[in-house]
Amino acid sequence: MRIMLNMIRRFLRADSAATSIEYALIAALIGIVIITGVKAVGTKLSTSYANISANLK
């Protein structure tokens, strides 16, 4: 248990840890933007297909 805590402490003190945390936050933000964009486009496409389907009937 002590060894694991020492490894975590060293990781958090290292500069590379700060950099990797920053990259993880950036990746999460990009993921949220992509999901939001795909959801918005999907909703518009669904509405468009519903309109096309209604006009064909």
Foldseek 3Di string as FASTA:
>chain_A
DVVVVVVVVVLVPDPVNVVVVVVVVVVVVVVVVVVVVVVVVVVVVVVVVVVVVVVVD
